[in-house]
Amino acid sequence: MGTSFDLLADLADAEFDGESYNGKSLMATLSELDAEAAAAPSDYEGYSVWSVALHLAYCKWIVAKALMDEDGRSRLGPYPYPAGNGGFAEAPERRAEAWVGLLAYLRAVHGEAIGAMRECGEKRFAHELPEWGIPVGKAAVWLCSHDSYHTAQIRNMGVPAYKSKRIY
């Protein structure tokens, strides 16, 4: 894979669970919440942090599946959560174990998607992503900024854990 793909993958990794360029990474943000806080509908649209995390996992799964091989089977197997409405779904249960499990799944599916992006490079990028009607490459590049977008959304949803003022 060329340098530009490595830079995009590095950016995606940093925004997901590393030294983010835009503040706290997604996983640093999600790890601050317990299951109850994550499941509470917090924004004006009625989304919870949990539903946003499920959406992120679903999008990563779609891209990983598309990048993996010619018939689209991901090493991750079938998507294990409700997938309607673009992956946005309510918390299936509000237990700590389920929240920890979702965070672990997010890490696994992110690794799979970015690993597949690094492995296959451009050879699959021209293929159509049937779920979204766009080229796989466009979805892979978009995925690199998706975590940043939703991290900002989560931090501005009105979740009590994020309401403290910054001290400069």
C-alpha atoms as a PDB file:
ATOM      1  CA  MET A   1       0.000   0.000   0.000  1.00  0.00           C
ATOM      2  CA  GLY A   2       1.205   3.514  -0.763  1.00  0.00           C
ATOM      3  CA  THR A   3       2.115   6.195   1.735  1.00  0.00           C
ATOM      4  CA  SER A   4      -1.177   8.080   1.404  1.00  0.00           C
ATOM      5  CA  PHE A   5      -3.131   4.963   2.455  1.00  0.00           C
ATOM      6  CA  ASP A   6      -0.821   4.469   5.417  1.00  0.00           C
ATOM      7  CA  LEU A   7      -1.372   8.080   6.443  1.00  0.00           C
ATOM      8  CA  LEU A   8      -5.159   7.636   6.258  1.00  0.00           C
ATOM      9  CA  ALA A   9      -5.009   4.402   8.248  1.00  0.00           C
ATOM     10  CA  ASP A  10      -2.749   6.064  10.835  1.00  0.00           C
ATOM     11  CA  LEU A  11      -5.232   8.939  11.094  1.00  0.00           C
ATOM     12  CA  ALA A  12      -8.121   6.510  11.570  1.00  0.00           C
ATOM     13  CA  ASP A  13      -6.216   4.661  14.302  1.00  0.00           C
ATOM     14  CA  ALA A  14      -5.342   7.910  16.098  1.00  0.00           C
ATOM     15  CA  GLU A  15      -8.917   9.200  16.018  1.00  0.00           C
ATOM     16  CA  PHE A  16     -10.239   5.824  17.146  1.00  0.00           C
ATOM     17  CA  ASP A  17      -7.986   4.987  20.099  1.00  0.00           C
ATOM     18  CA  GLY A  18      -4.763   6.926  19.950  1.00  0.00           C
ATOM     19  CA  GLU A  19      -3.379  10.414  20.118  1.00  0.00           C
ATOM     20  CA  SER A  20      -6.231  12.167  18.338  1.00  0.00           C
ATOM     21  CA  TYR A  21      -5.546  15.385  16.488  1.00  0.00           C
ATOM     22  CA  ASN A  22      -8.983  16.698  17.459  1.00  0.00           C
ATOM     23  CA  GLY A  23      -9.218  16.154  21.225  1.00  0.00           C
ATOM     24  CA  LYS A  24      -9.973  12.888  22.966  1.00  0.00           C
ATOM     25  CA  SER A  25     -10.170   9.822  20.755  1.00  0.00           C
ATOM     26  CA  LEU A  26     -13.418   7.928  20.319  1.00  0.00           C
ATOM     27  CA  MET A  27     -12.468   5.108  22.693  1.00  0.00           C
ATOM     28  CA  ALA A  28     -11.153   7.536  25.330  1.00  0.00           C
ATOM     29  CA  THR A  29     -14.516   9.304  25.131  1.00  0.00           C
ATOM     30  CA  LEU A  30     -16.606   6.113  25.280  1.00  0.00           C
ATOM     31  CA  SER A  31     -14.537   4.616  28.097  1.00  0.00           C
ATOM     32  CA  GLU A  32     -15.557   7.481  30.399  1.00  0.00           C
ATOM     33  CA  LEU A  33     -19.165   6.261  30.451  1.00  0.00           C
ATOM     34  CA  ASP A  34     -20.871   3.419  32.246  1.00  0.00           C
ATOM     35  CA  ALA A  35     -23.658   1.387  30.634  1.00  0.00           C
ATOM     36  CA  GLU A  36     -26.487   3.444  32.125  1.00  0.00           C
ATOM     37  CA  ALA A  37     -25.056   6.771  30.931  1.00  0.00           C
ATOM     38  CA  ALA A  38     -24.272   5.323  27.490  1.00  0.00           C
ATOM     39  CA  ALA A  39     -27.820   3.994  27.058  1.00  0.00           C
ATOM     40  CA  ALA A  40     -29.647   7.193  28.077  1.00  0.00           C
ATOM     41  CA  PRO A  41     -31.088   9.143  25.111  1.00  0.00           C
ATOM     42  CA  SER A  42     -29.083  12.345  25.306  1.00  0.00           C
ATOM     43  CA  ASP A  43     -29.377  14.497  22.222  1.00  0.00           C
ATOM     44  CA  TYR A  44     -32.262  16.409  20.695  1.00  0.00           C
ATOM     45  CA  GLU A  45     -32.706  13.678  18.054  1.00  0.00           C
ATOM     46  CA  GLY A  46     -33.118  11.024  20.743  1.00  0.00           C
ATOM     47  CA  TYR A  47     -29.842   9.201  20.153  1.00  0.00           C
ATOM     48  CA  SER A  48     -27.914   7.656  22.991  1.00  0.00           C
ATOM     49  CA  VAL A  49     -24.162   7.232  23.068  1.00  0.00           C
ATOM     50  CA  TRP A  50     -24.807   3.486  22.882  1.00  0.00           C
ATOM     51  CA  SER A  51     -26.794   3.862  19.658  1.00  0.00           C
ATOM     52  CA  VAL A  52     -24.003   5.970  18.141  1.00  0.00           C
ATOM     53  CA  ALA A  53     -21.442   3.311  19.175  1.00  0.00           C
ATOM     54  CA  LEU A  54     -23.593   0.636  17.496  1.00  0.00           C
ATOM     55  CA  HIS A  55     -23.751   2.764  14.337  1.00  0.00           C
ATOM     56  CA  LEU A  56     -19.952   3.138  14.332  1.00  0.00           C
ATOM     57  CA  ALA A  57     -19.500  -0.623  14.767  1.00  0.00           C
ATOM     58  CA  TYR A  58     -21.950  -1.324  11.941  1.00  0.00           C
ATOM     59  CA  CYS A  59     -20.240   1.060   9.519  1.00  0.00           C
ATOM     60  CA  LYS A  60     -16.822  -0.421  10.335  1.00  0.00           C
ATOM     61  CA  TRP A  61     -18.246  -3.925   9.823  1.00  0.00           C
ATOM     62  CA  ILE A  62     -19.702  -2.977   6.406  1.00  0.00           C
ATOM     63  CA  VAL A  63     -16.369  -1.542   5.227  1.00  0.00           C
ATOM     64  CA  ALA A  64     -14.322  -4.433   6.657  1.00  0.00           C
ATOM     65  CA  LYS A  65     -16.617  -6.958   4.981  1.00  0.00           C
ATOM     66  CA  ALA A  66     -16.307  -5.149   1.647  1.00  0.00           C
ATOM     67  CA  LEU A  67     -12.512  -5.002   1.850  1.00  0.00           C
ATOM     68  CA  MET A  68     -11.894  -8.575   3.000  1.00  0.00           C
ATOM     69  CA  ASP A  69     -12.342 -10.702  -0.078  1.00  0.00           C
ATOM     70  CA  GLU A  70     -14.149 -11.094  -3.348  1.00  0.00           C
ATOM     71  CA  ASP A  71     -17.328 -12.547  -1.874  1.00  0.00           C
ATOM     72  CA  GLY A  72     -17.455  -9.999   0.957  1.00  0.00           C
ATOM     73  CA  ARG A  73     -17.138 -12.357   3.929  1.00  0.00           C
ATOM     74  CA  SER A  74     -15.382 -10.727   6.839  1.00  0.00           C
ATOM     75  CA  ARG A  75     -13.348 -12.735   9.316  1.00  0.00           C
ATOM     76  CA  LEU A  76     -15.642 -11.125  11.890  1.00  0.00           C
ATOM     77  CA  GLY A  77     -18.657 -13.188  10.839  1.00  0.00           C
ATOM     78  CA  PRO A  78     -22.199 -11.837  10.763  1.00  0.00           C
ATOM     79  CA  TYR A  79     -22.923  -8.501  12.406  1.00  0.00           C
ATOM     80  CA  PRO A  80     -23.885  -9.341  16.017  1.00  0.00           C
ATOM     81  CA  TYR A  81     -26.125  -6.355  16.831  1.00  0.00           C
ATOM     82  CA  PRO A  82     -29.370  -4.884  15.442  1.00  0.00           C
ATOM     83  CA  ALA A  83     -28.536  -3.246  12.116  1.00  0.00           C
ATOM     84  CA  GLY A  84     -31.628  -1.292  11.095  1.00  0.00           C
ATOM     85  CA  ASN A  85     -31.500   2.417  10.342  1.00  0.00           C
ATOM     86  CA  GLY A  86     -27.803   2.552   9.414  1.00  0.00           C
ATOM     87  CA  GLY A  87     -26.780   0.645  12.518  1.00  0.00           C
ATOM     88  CA  PHE A  88     -28.371   3.135  14.909  1.00  0.00           C
ATOM     89  CA  ALA A  89     -30.196   0.987  17.445  1.00  0.00           C
ATOM     90  CA  GLU A  90     -31.144   1.140  21.075  1.00  0.00           C
ATOM     91  CA  ALA A  91     -29.039  -0.614  23.675  1.00  0.00           C
ATOM     92  CA  PRO A  92     -30.241  -4.225  23.663  1.00  0.00           C
ATOM     93  CA  GLU A  93     -29.582  -4.319  27.397  1.00  0.00           C
ATOM     94  CA  ARG A  94     -28.226  -1.792  29.885  1.00  0.00           C
ATOM     95  CA  ARG A  95     -25.758  -4.045  31.629  1.00  0.00           C
ATOM     96  CA  ALA A  96     -22.112  -3.213  32.211  1.00  0.00           C
ATOM     97  CA  GLU A  97     -21.039  -6.476  30.538  1.00  0.00           C
ATOM     98  CA  ALA A  98     -22.954  -5.590  27.377  1.00  0.00           C
ATOM     99  CA  TRP A  99     -21.350  -2.115  27.215  1.00  0.00           C
ATOM    100  CA  VAL A 100     -17.871  -3.559  27.784  1.00  0.00           C
ATOM    101  CA  GLY A 101     -18.645  -6.158  25.106  1.00  0.00           C
ATOM    102  CA  LEU A 102     -19.648  -3.470  22.618  1.00  0.00           C
ATOM    103  CA  LEU A 103     -16.449  -1.523  23.297  1.00  0.00           C
ATOM    104  CA  ALA A 104     -14.425  -4.724  22.746  1.00  0.00           C
ATOM    105  CA  TYR A 105     -16.313  -5.382  19.516  1.00  0.00           C
ATOM    106  CA  LEU A 106     -15.638  -1.820  18.352  1.00  0.00           C
ATOM    107  CA  ARG A 107     -11.915  -2.400  18.883  1.00  0.00           C
ATOM    108  CA  ALA A 108     -12.034  -5.707  16.999  1.00  0.00           C
ATOM    109  CA  VAL A 109     -14.055  -4.414  14.041  1.00  0.00           C
ATOM    110  CA  HIS A 110     -11.925  -1.264  13.808  1.00  0.00           C
ATOM    111  CA  GLY A 111      -8.770  -3.396  13.692  1.00  0.00           C
ATOM    112  CA  GLU A 112     -10.343  -5.578  11.030  1.00  0.00           C
ATOM    113  CA  ALA A 113     -11.437  -2.630   8.864  1.00  0.00           C
ATOM    114  CA  ILE A 114      -8.168  -0.713   9.086  1.00  0.00           C
ATOM    115  CA  GLY A 115      -6.138  -3.900   8.743  1.00  0.00           C
ATOM    116  CA  ALA A 116      -8.086  -4.783   5.599  1.00  0.00           C
ATOM    117  CA  MET A 117      -7.562  -1.279   4.254  1.00  0.00           C
ATOM    118  CA  ARG A 118      -3.807  -1.593   4.796  1.00  0.00           C
ATOM    119  CA  GLU A 119      -3.700  -5.111   3.274  1.00  0.00           C
ATOM    120  CA  CYS A 120      -5.753  -4.674   0.142  1.00  0.00           C
ATOM    121  CA  GLY A 121      -4.987  -1.090  -0.752  1.00  0.00           C
ATOM    122  CA  GLU A 122      -6.398  -0.041  -4.092  1.00  0.00           C
ATOM    123  CA  LYS A 123      -7.180  -3.504  -5.468  1.00  0.00           C
ATOM    124  CA  ARG A 124     -10.708  -3.527  -3.948  1.00  0.00           C
ATOM    125  CA  PHE A 125     -11.327   0.219  -3.891  1.00  0.00           C
ATOM    126  CA  ALA A 126     -13.017   0.370  -7.311  1.00  0.00           C
ATOM    127  CA  HIS A 127     -15.551  -2.336  -6.409  1.00  0.00           C
ATOM    128  CA  GLU A 128     -19.097  -1.272  -5.595  1.00  0.00           C
ATOM    129  CA  LEU A 129     -20.261  -1.326  -1.977  1.00  0.00           C
ATOM    130  CA  PRO A 130     -23.817  -2.590  -2.562  1.00  0.00           C
ATOM    131  CA  GLU A 131     -25.177  -1.559   0.851  1.00  0.00           C
ATOM    132  CA  TRP A 132     -24.356   2.097   0.180  1.00  0.00           C
ATOM    133  CA  GLY A 133     -24.136   2.317  -3.629  1.00  0.00           C
ATOM    134  CA  ILE A 134     -20.639   3.836  -3.606  1.00  0.00           C
ATOM    135  CA  PRO A 135     -17.148   2.540  -4.390  1.00  0.00           C
ATOM    136  CA  VAL A 136     -15.450   0.676  -1.543  1.00  0.00           C
ATOM    137  CA  GLY A 137     -12.539   3.131  -1.686  1.00  0.00           C
ATOM    138  CA  LYS A 138     -14.819   6.084  -1.031  1.00  0.00           C
ATOM    139  CA  ALA A 139     -16.291   4.276   1.990  1.00  0.00           C
ATOM    140  CA  ALA A 140     -12.813   3.391   3.294  1.00  0.00           C
ATOM    141  CA  VAL A 141     -11.583   6.973   3.041  1.00  0.00           C
ATOM    142  CA  TRP A 142     -14.803   8.268   4.646  1.00  0.00           C
ATOM    143  CA  LEU A 143     -14.351   5.796   7.497  1.00  0.00           C
ATOM    144  CA  CYS A 144     -11.123   7.586   8.442  1.00  0.00           C
ATOM    145  CA  SER A 145     -13.031  10.694   9.571  1.00  0.00           C
ATOM    146  CA  HIS A 146     -16.210   9.019  10.792  1.00  0.00           C
ATOM    147  CA  ASP A 147     -14.964   8.461  14.356  1.00  0.00           C
ATOM    148  CA  SER A 148     -13.963  12.126  14.699  1.00  0.00           C
ATOM    149  CA  TYR A 149     -17.390  13.276  13.595  1.00  0.00           C
ATOM    150  CA  HIS A 150     -19.211  11.066  16.078  1.00  0.00           C
ATOM    151  CA  THR A 151     -16.773  11.740  18.918  1.00  0.00           C
ATOM    152  CA  ALA A 152     -17.643  15.430  18.596  1.00  0.00           C
ATOM    153  CA  GLN A 153     -21.339  14.530  18.431  1.00  0.00           C
ATOM    154  CA  ILE A 154     -21.087  12.448  21.608  1.00  0.00           C
ATOM    155  CA  ARG A 155     -19.195  15.120  23.504  1.00  0.00           C
ATOM    156  CA  ASN A 156     -21.871  17.679  22.575  1.00  0.00           C
ATOM    157  CA  MET A 157     -24.974  15.547  23.218  1.00  0.00           C
ATOM    158  CA  GLY A 158     -25.543  16.831  26.720  1.00  0.00           C
ATOM    159  CA  VAL A 159     -24.340  13.672  28.479  1.00  0.00           C
ATOM    160  CA  PRO A 160     -23.786  14.667  32.136  1.00  0.00           C
ATOM    161  CA  ALA A 161     -20.265  13.182  32.155  1.00  0.00           C
ATOM    162  CA  TYR A 162     -19.223  15.714  29.511  1.00  0.00           C
ATOM    163  CA  LYS A 163     -20.871  18.837  30.921  1.00  0.00           C
ATOM    164  CA  SER A 164     -17.927  20.096  32.968  1.00  0.00           C
ATOM    165  CA  LYS A 165     -16.344  23.299  31.743  1.00  0.00           C
ATOM    166  CA  ARG A 166     -12.822  23.360  30.481  1.00  0.00           C
ATOM    167  CA  ILE A 167     -10.203  24.912  32.675  1.00  0.00           C
ATOM    168  CA  TYR A 168      -7.648  26.799  30.622  1.00  0.00           C
END
